[in-house]
C-alpha atoms as a PDB file:
ATOM      1  CA  MET A   1      98.553  51.432-107.265  1.00  0.00           C
ATOM      2  CA  ALA A   2      99.370  48.015-107.309  1.00  0.00           C
ATOM      3  CA  LYS A   3     101.361  48.574-104.297  1.00  0.00           C
ATOM      4  CA  ARG A   4      98.505  50.499-102.849  1.00  0.00           C
ATOM      5  CA  ILE A   5      96.353  47.550-103.575  1.00  0.00           C
ATOM      6  CA  MET A   6      98.632  44.921-101.802  1.00  0.00           C
ATOM      7  CA  VAL A   7      99.039  47.058 -98.852  1.00  0.00           C
ATOM      8  CA  ALA A   8      95.222  47.221 -98.340  1.00  0.00           C
ATOM      9  CA  VAL A   9      95.060  43.564 -98.749  1.00  0.00           C
ATOM     10  CA  VAL A  10      97.656  42.703 -96.495  1.00  0.00           C
ATOM     11  CA  GLY A  11      96.309  45.486 -93.630  1.00  0.00           C
ATOM     12  CA  ALA A  12      92.575  43.803 -93.992  1.00  0.00           C
ATOM     13  CA  GLY A  13      94.435  40.264 -93.120  1.00  0.00           C
ATOM     14  CA  ILE A  14      96.241  41.845 -90.239  1.00  0.00           C
ATOM     15  CA  GLY A  15      92.962  43.761 -89.425  1.00  0.00           C
ATOM     16  CA  SER A  16      91.125  40.340 -89.557  1.00  0.00           C
ATOM     17  CA  LEU A  17      93.587  38.691 -87.594  1.00  0.00           C
ATOM     18  CA  VAL A  18      93.250  41.316 -84.408  1.00  0.00           C
ATOM     19  CA  GLY A  19      89.461  41.368 -85.186  1.00  0.00           C
ATOM     20  CA  LEU A  20      89.577  37.350 -84.542  1.00  0.00           C
ATOM     21  CA  LEU A  21      91.320  37.732 -81.055  1.00  0.00           C
ATOM     22  CA  ILE A  22      88.948  40.543 -80.047  1.00  0.00           C
ATOM     23  CA  SER A  23      86.217  38.076 -80.889  1.00  0.00           C
ATOM     24  CA  SER A  24      87.784  35.504 -78.961  1.00  0.00           C
ATOM     25  CA  LEU A  25      87.405  37.740 -76.066  1.00  0.00           C
ATOM     26  CA  GLY A  26      83.861  37.860 -76.295  1.00  0.00           C
ATOM     27  CA  ALA A  27      82.949  40.774 -78.955  1.00  0.00           C
ATOM     28  CA  GLY A  28      81.531  38.613 -81.355  1.00  0.00           C
ATOM     29  CA  ASN A  29      81.970  38.344 -85.424  1.00  0.00           C
ATOM     30  CA  PRO A  30      81.417  42.223 -86.013  1.00  0.00           C
ATOM     31  CA  ALA A  31      84.869  42.492 -84.540  1.00  0.00           C
ATOM     32  CA  LEU A  32      85.826  40.288 -87.435  1.00  0.00           C
ATOM     33  CA  ILE A  33      84.737  42.836 -90.258  1.00  0.00           C
ATOM     34  CA  ILE A  34      85.589  46.317 -88.201  1.00  0.00           C
ATOM     35  CA  GLY A  35      88.862  44.591 -87.812  1.00  0.00           C
ATOM     36  CA  GLY A  36      89.157  43.935 -91.656  1.00  0.00           C
ATOM     37  CA  LEU A  37      87.606  47.419 -93.049  1.00  0.00           C
ATOM     38  CA  GLY A  38      90.110  49.321 -90.437  1.00  0.00           C
ATOM     39  CA  GLY A  39      93.177  47.306 -91.569  1.00  0.00           C
ATOM     40  CA  ALA A  40      92.368  48.011 -94.921  1.00  0.00           C
ATOM     41  CA  ALA A  41      91.482  51.595 -94.691  1.00  0.00           C
ATOM     42  CA  ILE A  42      94.350  52.717 -91.961  1.00  0.00           C
ATOM     43  CA  PRO A  43      97.270  52.388 -94.119  1.00  0.00           C
ATOM     44  CA  LEU A  44      95.580  54.005 -97.296  1.00  0.00           C
ATOM     45  CA  LEU A  45      94.716  56.955 -94.879  1.00  0.00           C
ATOM     46  CA  VAL A  46      98.362  57.148 -93.273  1.00  0.00           C
ATOM     47  CA  LEU A  47     100.109  56.866 -96.632  1.00  0.00           C
ATOM     48  CA  GLY A  48      98.469  59.667 -98.098  1.00  0.00           C
ATOM     49  CA  PRO A  49      97.325  60.325-101.834  1.00  0.00           C
ATOM     50  CA  PRO A  50      99.514  58.555-104.314  1.00  0.00           C
ATOM     51  CA  GLY A  51     102.240  60.755-105.875  1.00  0.00           C
ATOM     52  CA  ARG A  52     103.987  62.475-102.954  1.00  0.00           C
END
């Protein structure tokens, strides 16, 4: 479980960096939030439920 939380935190950080890049291109601050949420959720969805 701790590994999943770490993956979510690192994914959120990487997603925020991507959101910052998109924000600097003119999309605005919502790109940071969407990038962070997407970065946290996508790895957990790809990995599937724990215990497989």
